[in-house]
Protein backbone atom coordinates (compact mmCIF):
# COMPACT_ATOMS: atom_id res chain seq x y z
CA MET A 1 0.00 0.00 0.00
CA SER A 2 1.45 3.37 -0.91
CA SER A 3 2.36 5.87 1.77
CA PHE A 4 -0.15 8.37 0.40
CA ILE A 5 -3.07 5.96 0.85
CA LEU A 6 -1.84 5.05 4.34
CA TYR A 7 -1.58 8.73 5.26
CA ILE A 8 -5.13 9.42 4.05
CA ALA A 9 -6.55 6.38 5.84
CA ALA A 10 -4.65 7.30 9.02
CA ALA A 11 -6.00 10.85 8.87
CA ILE A 12 -9.59 9.65 8.52
CA ALA A 13 -9.11 7.25 11.44
CA GLU A 14 -7.50 9.89 13.66
CA ILE A 15 -10.02 12.61 12.90
CA GLY A 16 -12.90 10.17 13.34
CA GLY A 17 -11.52 9.01 16.68
CA CYS A 18 -10.95 12.52 17.93
CA PHE A 19 -14.38 13.60 16.70
CA ALA A 20 -15.96 10.79 18.72
CA PHE A 21 -14.40 12.26 21.87
CA TRP A 22 -15.44 15.76 20.76
CA THR A 23 -19.00 14.50 20.31
CA TRP A 24 -19.02 13.05 23.82
CA LEU A 25 -17.31 15.91 25.65
CA ARG A 26 -18.33 18.99 23.69
CA LEU A 27 -21.69 18.03 22.21
CA GLY A 28 -22.96 16.24 25.30
CA ARG A 29 -23.59 12.89 23.66
CA SER A 30 -23.34 9.49 25.32
CA ALA A 31 -20.04 8.29 26.78
CA TYR A 32 -20.47 5.28 24.51
CA TRP A 33 -18.99 7.48 21.76
CA VAL A 34 -15.62 6.79 23.42
CA LEU A 35 -15.63 3.13 22.31
CA PRO A 36 -15.59 3.70 18.54
CA GLY A 37 -13.28 6.65 19.18
CA LEU A 38 -10.72 4.42 20.88
CA ALA A 39 -11.00 1.81 18.14
CA SER A 40 -10.54 4.45 15.47
CA LEU A 41 -7.47 5.89 17.21
CA ALA A 42 -5.98 2.38 17.44
CA VAL A 43 -6.49 1.96 13.69
CA PHE A 44 -4.81 5.35 13.19
CA ALA A 45 -1.73 4.27 15.15
CA PHE A 46 -1.55 0.98 13.26
CA LEU A 47 -1.78 2.68 9.86
CA LEU A 48 0.76 5.36 10.66
CA ALA A 49 3.20 2.69 11.85
CA ARG A 50 2.91 1.07 8.38
CA ILE A 51 4.40 4.11 6.61
CA ASP A 52 7.54 3.20 4.68
CA SER A 53 10.09 5.43 6.39
CA THR A 54 13.41 4.72 8.03
CA TYR A 55 12.61 7.09 10.89
CA ALA A 56 9.28 7.37 12.70
CA GLY A 57 9.72 11.07 13.42
CA ARG A 58 10.00 11.89 9.74
CA ALA A 59 6.89 9.86 8.91
CA TYR A 60 4.96 11.61 11.69
CA ALA A 61 6.17 15.07 10.67
CA ALA A 62 5.15 14.57 7.05
CA TYR A 63 1.80 13.21 8.24
CA GLY A 64 1.09 16.57 9.83
CA GLY A 65 0.51 18.20 6.44
CA VAL A 66 -1.84 15.44 5.36
CA TYR A 67 -3.71 15.68 8.67
CA ILE A 68 -4.26 19.41 8.23
CA VAL A 69 -5.75 18.99 4.76
CA ALA A 70 -7.91 16.06 5.88
CA SER A 71 -9.13 18.09 8.87
CA LEU A 72 -10.22 20.92 6.60
CA MET A 73 -12.02 18.42 4.36
CA TRP A 74 -13.75 17.05 7.49
CA LEU A 75 -14.67 20.61 8.47
CA TRP A 76 -16.39 21.05 5.12
CA ALA A 77 -17.91 17.61 4.54
CA ILE A 78 -19.00 16.66 8.07
CA GLU A 79 -19.40 19.94 9.92
CA GLY A 80 -20.72 21.95 6.99
CA GLN A 81 -18.24 24.82 7.39
CA ARG A 82 -16.42 25.72 4.20
CA PRO A 83 -12.68 26.42 4.66
CA ASP A 84 -11.76 30.04 3.94
CA ARG A 85 -8.79 31.34 1.96
CA TRP A 86 -6.59 31.42 5.06
CA ASP A 87 -7.36 27.77 5.78
CA LEU A 88 -6.44 26.90 2.20
CA LEU A 89 -3.23 28.95 2.22
CA GLY A 90 -2.16 27.35 5.48
CA ALA A 91 -2.89 23.88 4.10
CA ILE A 92 -0.82 24.56 0.97
CA ILE A 93 2.10 25.73 3.09
CA CYS A 94 1.84 22.65 5.31
CA LEU A 95 1.66 20.29 2.33
CA ALA A 96 4.73 21.96 0.85
CA GLY A 97 6.54 21.32 4.12
CA ALA A 98 5.39 17.70 4.21
CA THR A 99 6.62 17.22 0.65
CA ILE A 100 10.03 18.63 1.53
CA ILE A 101 10.25 16.35 4.56
CA LEU A 102 9.28 13.26 2.56
CA PHE A 103 11.17 13.84 -0.66
CA GLY A 104 14.03 16.18 0.24
CA PRO A 105 17.50 14.88 -0.64
CA ARG A 106 19.21 13.05 2.20
CA ILE A 107 22.90 12.68 2.88
CA ASN A 108 23.55 9.17 4.18
CA THR A 109 26.14 9.09 6.94
């Protein structure tokens, strides 16, 4: 499975898990929302650990850009709030940073 697909799947799992806790704590829904939230966060951790990277920190750092874009898509699709130009500019900057982290030339020592 390509890293891109893993990153997208991990983002959906993480956002879904966090949203389950948000639903319980901020929207006053049942504490039972925690159960699928925990399961979703476990799937997130599993998927992110599958990223093909020599160093975990680099995989996690690059994931940050993907997470930001996925969060803005969640904002629009699930919460009904369209991202504004500042959201989009910030996402582009973050994706540029993630790309540099993932594909920048490395000097092997």
